[in-house]
Amino acid sequence: MTLGGNILGNILSARHDFKTNSKRRIDQITRRLDLVSRSEFDAAFGMLAKARVMQELLDERLVAIEAKIGVSSKRSAKNEGSQGLRSVKKKAHGKRGA
């Protein structure tokens, strides 16, 4: 029975060593890959979502201001089919030379 007990003990010890060494190796690899934690990822994703909302609000404000002054940006020009700021700049340069 001693031989069986030693084999079982050795197997359990090898299993424990394997687990410990694998965890250590995985930790080393993840540190080298410079991975982020889930909480860091969620925080960055939240900031991105907030930035997108802010950008959409600013785009809406820009479109409203452009509509008020009768000018459209390149982005609006693509969406609305107008010539945008280029035509306004050309007109402004034409007035200076006249």
Protein backbone atom coordinates (compact mmCIF):
# COMPACT_ATOMS: atom_id res chain seq x y z
CA MET A 1 0.00 0.00 0.00
CA THR A 2 2.93 2.31 0.55
CA LEU A 3 3.79 2.28 -3.14
CA GLY A 4 0.20 3.21 -4.05
CA GLY A 5 0.18 5.99 -1.48
CA ASN A 6 3.44 7.38 -2.80
CA ILE A 7 2.21 7.31 -6.39
CA LEU A 8 -1.02 9.08 -5.46
CA GLY A 9 0.92 11.64 -3.42
CA ASN A 10 3.32 12.23 -6.30
CA ILE A 11 0.44 12.63 -8.77
CA LEU A 12 -1.34 15.12 -6.51
CA SER A 13 1.91 17.01 -5.94
CA ALA A 14 2.63 17.10 -9.68
CA ARG A 15 -0.92 18.33 -10.31
CA HIS A 16 -0.50 21.13 -7.75
CA ASP A 17 2.90 22.11 -9.20
CA PHE A 18 1.48 22.10 -12.72
CA LYS A 19 -1.42 24.36 -11.66
CA THR A 20 0.89 26.77 -9.85
CA ASN A 21 3.40 26.94 -12.69
CA SER A 22 0.67 27.35 -15.32
CA LYS A 23 -0.93 30.24 -13.44
CA ARG A 24 2.45 31.91 -13.04
CA ARG A 25 3.22 31.44 -16.75
CA ILE A 26 -0.17 32.81 -17.80
CA ASP A 27 0.34 35.84 -15.56
CA GLN A 28 3.75 36.46 -17.17
CA ILE A 29 2.28 36.19 -20.66
CA THR A 30 -0.62 38.53 -19.92
CA ARG A 31 1.73 41.12 -18.40
CA ARG A 32 3.93 40.95 -21.49
CA LEU A 33 0.90 41.36 -23.77
CA ASP A 34 -0.11 44.44 -21.77
CA LEU A 35 -3.73 43.35 -21.45
CA VAL A 36 -6.18 45.44 -19.49
CA SER A 37 -8.51 44.30 -16.77
CA ARG A 38 -12.25 44.08 -17.32
CA SER A 39 -12.86 47.11 -15.11
CA GLU A 40 -10.33 49.20 -17.10
CA PHE A 41 -11.95 48.06 -20.35
CA ASP A 42 -15.42 48.94 -19.07
CA ALA A 43 -14.21 52.37 -17.95
CA ALA A 44 -12.64 53.08 -21.35
CA PHE A 45 -15.75 51.82 -23.13
CA GLY A 46 -17.89 54.12 -20.98
CA MET A 47 -15.72 57.11 -21.88
CA LEU A 48 -15.99 56.19 -25.55
CA ALA A 49 -19.78 55.98 -25.35
CA LYS A 50 -19.90 59.37 -23.62
CA ALA A 51 -17.62 60.87 -26.28
CA ARG A 52 -19.86 59.53 -29.05
CA VAL A 53 -22.93 61.08 -27.45
CA MET A 54 -21.10 64.39 -27.07
CA GLN A 55 -19.96 64.25 -30.70
CA GLU A 56 -23.51 63.63 -31.90
CA LEU A 57 -24.76 66.58 -29.83
CA LEU A 58 -22.00 68.80 -31.21
CA ASP A 59 -22.80 67.67 -34.76
CA GLU A 60 -26.44 68.59 -34.23
CA ARG A 61 -25.44 72.00 -32.84
CA LEU A 62 -23.10 72.56 -35.78
CA VAL A 63 -25.81 71.72 -38.29
CA ALA A 64 -28.20 74.11 -36.52
CA ILE A 65 -25.63 76.92 -36.52
CA GLU A 66 -24.77 76.29 -40.18
CA ALA A 67 -28.43 76.36 -41.09
CA LYS A 68 -28.81 79.66 -39.25
CA ILE A 69 -25.96 81.33 -41.13
CA GLY A 70 -26.62 79.55 -44.43
CA VAL A 71 -23.37 77.57 -44.60
CA SER A 72 -22.76 73.83 -44.57
CA SER A 73 -19.63 71.91 -43.66
CA LYS A 74 -18.02 69.19 -45.76
CA ARG A 75 -19.79 66.53 -43.69
CA SER A 76 -23.14 68.20 -44.21
CA ALA A 77 -22.32 68.77 -47.86
CA LYS A 78 -21.88 65.04 -48.39
CA ASN A 79 -25.17 64.36 -46.65
CA GLU A 80 -27.16 67.19 -48.24
CA GLY A 81 -25.49 67.38 -51.65
CA SER A 82 -24.45 71.06 -51.40
CA GLN A 83 -21.00 72.47 -52.11
CA GLY A 84 -20.27 73.34 -48.50
CA LEU A 85 -17.60 75.72 -47.22
CA ARG A 86 -15.56 75.63 -50.43
CA SER A 87 -18.14 77.68 -52.30
CA VAL A 88 -18.33 80.18 -49.44
CA LYS A 89 -14.53 80.52 -49.35
CA LYS A 90 -14.40 81.03 -53.10
CA LYS A 91 -17.06 83.74 -52.87
CA ALA A 92 -15.18 85.44 -50.03
CA HIS A 93 -11.92 85.43 -52.00
CA GLY A 94 -13.75 86.74 -55.06
CA LYS A 95 -15.16 89.70 -53.11
CA ARG A 96 -11.70 90.70 -51.84
CA GLY A 97 -10.27 90.89 -55.33
CA ALA A 98 -13.19 92.95 -56.68
